[in-house]
C-alpha cells in the first residue's frame, strides 16, 4: 500500500480492531495528517500518514 491510496473517502481496514470492534475507517480529511471516522461507532481519529500506513491492512473502497 502506498500513500496515494489513502485519499479522501477511501475506506481502509486496520490490522487491529477499534475498541468498539470495528475494523473499517473512512478517511474524511487528507492533508498533512489524515482524519478517520470509524464506520461502526463514528469515533474520529487523526493520524500522521506514516502511522496510518503502519495500522492499515488494506484499502477496501477506493475513491474514483
N, C-alpha and C. Protein backbone atom coordinates (compact mmCIF):
# COMPACT_ATOMS: atom_id res chain seq x y z
N UNK A 1 0.84 -1.17 0.00
CA UNK A 1 0.00 0.00 0.00
C UNK A 1 0.89 1.24 0.00
N UNK A 2 0.49 2.23 -0.76
CA UNK A 2 1.25 3.48 -0.83
C UNK A 2 0.37 4.63 -0.36
N UNK A 3 1.02 5.73 -0.07
CA UNK A 3 0.31 6.89 0.47
C UNK A 3 -0.73 7.43 -0.49
N UNK A 4 -0.54 7.29 -1.79
CA UNK A 4 -1.51 7.80 -2.76
C UNK A 4 -2.83 7.03 -2.72
N UNK A 5 -2.85 5.81 -2.14
CA UNK A 5 -4.09 5.06 -1.97
C UNK A 5 -4.97 5.64 -0.88
N UNK A 6 -4.38 6.43 0.00
CA UNK A 6 -5.09 6.92 1.19
C UNK A 6 -5.62 8.33 0.95
N UNK A 7 -6.55 8.45 0.02
CA UNK A 7 -7.17 9.73 -0.32
C UNK A 7 -8.49 9.89 0.42
N UNK A 8 -9.08 11.07 0.31
CA UNK A 8 -10.36 11.35 0.95
C UNK A 8 -11.42 10.37 0.44
N UNK A 9 -12.28 9.92 1.32
CA UNK A 9 -13.39 8.99 1.07
C UNK A 9 -12.97 7.55 0.83
N UNK A 10 -11.69 7.23 0.98
CA UNK A 10 -11.26 5.83 0.91
C UNK A 10 -11.66 5.13 2.21
N UNK A 11 -12.02 3.87 2.12
CA UNK A 11 -12.33 3.07 3.30
C UNK A 11 -11.20 2.09 3.48
N UNK A 12 -10.61 2.10 4.68
CA UNK A 12 -9.49 1.20 4.96
C UNK A 12 -9.86 0.23 6.06
N UNK A 13 -9.21 -0.91 6.04
CA UNK A 13 -9.36 -1.91 7.09
C UNK A 13 -8.06 -1.93 7.88
N UNK A 14 -8.16 -1.87 9.21
CA UNK A 14 -6.98 -1.85 10.06
C UNK A 14 -6.61 -3.26 10.52
N UNK A 15 -5.35 -3.40 10.94
CA UNK A 15 -4.86 -4.69 11.41
C UNK A 15 -5.53 -5.08 12.72
N UNK A 16 -5.64 -4.12 13.64
CA UNK A 16 -6.26 -4.37 14.94
C UNK A 16 -7.63 -3.70 14.99
N UNK A 17 -8.58 -4.30 15.68
CA UNK A 17 -9.90 -3.67 15.77
C UNK A 17 -9.90 -2.50 16.74
N UNK A 18 -10.83 -1.59 16.52
CA UNK A 18 -11.08 -0.47 17.42
C UNK A 18 -11.73 -1.03 18.69
N UNK A 19 -11.83 -0.24 19.73
CA UNK A 19 -12.45 -0.69 20.98
C UNK A 19 -13.90 -1.14 20.79
N UNK A 20 -14.58 -0.57 19.81
CA UNK A 20 -15.97 -0.93 19.53
C UNK A 20 -16.07 -2.24 18.76
N UNK A 21 -14.95 -2.73 18.24
CA UNK A 21 -14.95 -3.98 17.48
C UNK A 21 -14.86 -3.77 15.98
N UNK A 22 -15.00 -2.54 15.53
CA UNK A 22 -14.95 -2.24 14.10
C UNK A 22 -13.53 -2.16 13.58
N UNK A 23 -13.34 -2.56 12.34
CA UNK A 23 -12.03 -2.50 11.69
C UNK A 23 -12.01 -1.57 10.50
N UNK A 24 -13.17 -1.04 10.09
CA UNK A 24 -13.23 -0.21 8.90
C UNK A 24 -13.36 1.26 9.27
N UNK A 25 -12.55 2.07 8.58
CA UNK A 25 -12.49 3.51 8.80
C UNK A 25 -12.59 4.22 7.47
N UNK A 26 -13.28 5.37 7.43
CA UNK A 26 -13.35 6.20 6.22
C UNK A 26 -12.47 7.42 6.44
N UNK A 27 -11.66 7.76 5.44
CA UNK A 27 -10.83 8.95 5.51
C UNK A 27 -11.72 10.13 5.16
N UNK A 28 -11.91 11.04 6.12
CA UNK A 28 -12.79 12.18 5.88
C UNK A 28 -12.01 13.45 5.60
N UNK A 29 -10.70 13.47 5.87
CA UNK A 29 -9.87 14.62 5.53
C UNK A 29 -8.46 14.13 5.28
N UNK A 30 -7.87 14.58 4.20
CA UNK A 30 -6.49 14.21 3.86
C UNK A 30 -5.70 15.49 3.62
N UNK A 31 -4.66 15.66 4.39
CA UNK A 31 -3.79 16.83 4.26
C UNK A 31 -2.44 16.44 4.83
N UNK A 32 -1.89 17.28 5.71
CA UNK A 32 -0.64 16.94 6.38
C UNK A 32 -0.85 15.75 7.30
N UNK A 33 -2.08 15.57 7.77
CA UNK A 33 -2.44 14.39 8.55
C UNK A 33 -3.74 13.84 7.97
N UNK A 34 -4.15 12.68 8.41
CA UNK A 34 -5.37 12.05 7.90
C UNK A 34 -6.38 11.97 9.04
N UNK A 35 -7.60 12.41 8.79
CA UNK A 35 -8.68 12.31 9.76
C UNK A 35 -9.56 11.14 9.35
N UNK A 36 -9.75 10.22 10.28
CA UNK A 36 -10.50 9.00 10.02
C UNK A 36 -11.76 8.95 10.87
N UNK A 37 -12.79 8.29 10.36
CA UNK A 37 -14.03 8.10 11.11
C UNK A 37 -14.35 6.61 11.13
N UNK A 38 -14.55 6.07 12.32
CA UNK A 38 -14.90 4.65 12.47
C UNK A 38 -16.29 4.44 11.89
N UNK A 39 -16.45 3.44 11.05
CA UNK A 39 -17.74 3.18 10.42
C UNK A 39 -18.69 2.43 11.34
N UNK A 40 -18.20 1.94 12.48
CA UNK A 40 -19.05 1.23 13.43
C UNK A 40 -19.63 2.18 14.47
N UNK A 41 -18.77 2.98 15.11
CA UNK A 41 -19.24 3.83 16.21
C UNK A 41 -19.20 5.32 15.92
N UNK A 42 -18.52 5.75 14.85
CA UNK A 42 -18.48 7.15 14.50
C UNK A 42 -17.36 7.95 15.15
N UNK A 43 -16.48 7.29 15.87
CA UNK A 43 -15.36 7.97 16.53
C UNK A 43 -14.43 8.58 15.49
N UNK A 44 -13.87 9.75 15.78
CA UNK A 44 -12.96 10.41 14.86
C UNK A 44 -11.55 10.35 15.42
N UNK A 45 -10.58 10.07 14.54
CA UNK A 45 -9.19 9.89 14.91
C UNK A 45 -8.31 10.62 13.90
N UNK A 46 -7.26 11.28 14.37
CA UNK A 46 -6.32 11.99 13.49
C UNK A 46 -4.97 11.30 13.58
N UNK A 47 -4.45 10.88 12.42
CA UNK A 47 -3.16 10.19 12.36
C UNK A 47 -2.26 10.83 11.31
N UNK A 48 -0.97 10.75 11.55
CA UNK A 48 0.00 11.13 10.53
C UNK A 48 0.04 10.04 9.47
N UNK A 49 0.39 10.37 8.24
CA UNK A 49 0.36 9.39 7.16
C UNK A 49 1.21 8.14 7.42
N UNK A 50 2.40 8.30 8.00
CA UNK A 50 3.24 7.12 8.25
C UNK A 50 2.63 6.21 9.31
N UNK A 51 1.96 6.77 10.31
CA UNK A 51 1.29 5.96 11.33
C UNK A 51 0.09 5.23 10.72
N UNK A 52 -0.62 5.89 9.83
CA UNK A 52 -1.76 5.26 9.16
C UNK A 52 -1.30 4.10 8.28
N UNK A 53 -0.19 4.26 7.59
CA UNK A 53 0.34 3.17 6.76
C UNK A 53 0.70 1.96 7.61
N UNK A 54 1.19 2.18 8.82
CA UNK A 54 1.52 1.07 9.72
C UNK A 54 0.27 0.32 10.19
N UNK A 55 -0.79 1.07 10.45
CA UNK A 55 -2.01 0.48 11.00
C UNK A 55 -2.92 -0.14 9.94
N UNK A 56 -2.82 0.32 8.71
CA UNK A 56 -3.74 -0.12 7.65
C UNK A 56 -3.37 -1.51 7.13
N UNK A 57 -4.38 -2.32 6.95
CA UNK A 57 -4.19 -3.66 6.39
C UNK A 57 -4.45 -3.63 4.88
N UNK A 58 -5.57 -3.01 4.49
CA UNK A 58 -5.89 -2.90 3.06
C UNK A 58 -6.91 -1.81 2.85
N UNK A 59 -6.98 -1.33 1.62
CA UNK A 59 -7.99 -0.36 1.21
C UNK A 59 -9.15 -1.16 0.64
N UNK A 60 -10.33 -1.07 1.28
CA UNK A 60 -11.46 -1.86 0.83
C UNK A 60 -12.30 -1.13 -0.21
N UNK A 61 -12.35 0.21 -0.14
CA UNK A 61 -13.07 1.03 -1.12
C UNK A 61 -12.19 2.20 -1.48
N UNK A 62 -11.86 2.31 -2.72
CA UNK A 62 -11.02 3.43 -3.16
C UNK A 62 -11.90 4.45 -3.88
N UNK A 63 -11.68 5.74 -3.65
CA UNK A 63 -12.46 6.76 -4.36
C UNK A 63 -12.06 6.82 -5.83
N UNK A 64 -12.94 7.32 -6.66
CA UNK A 64 -12.65 7.44 -8.08
C UNK A 64 -11.70 8.56 -8.38
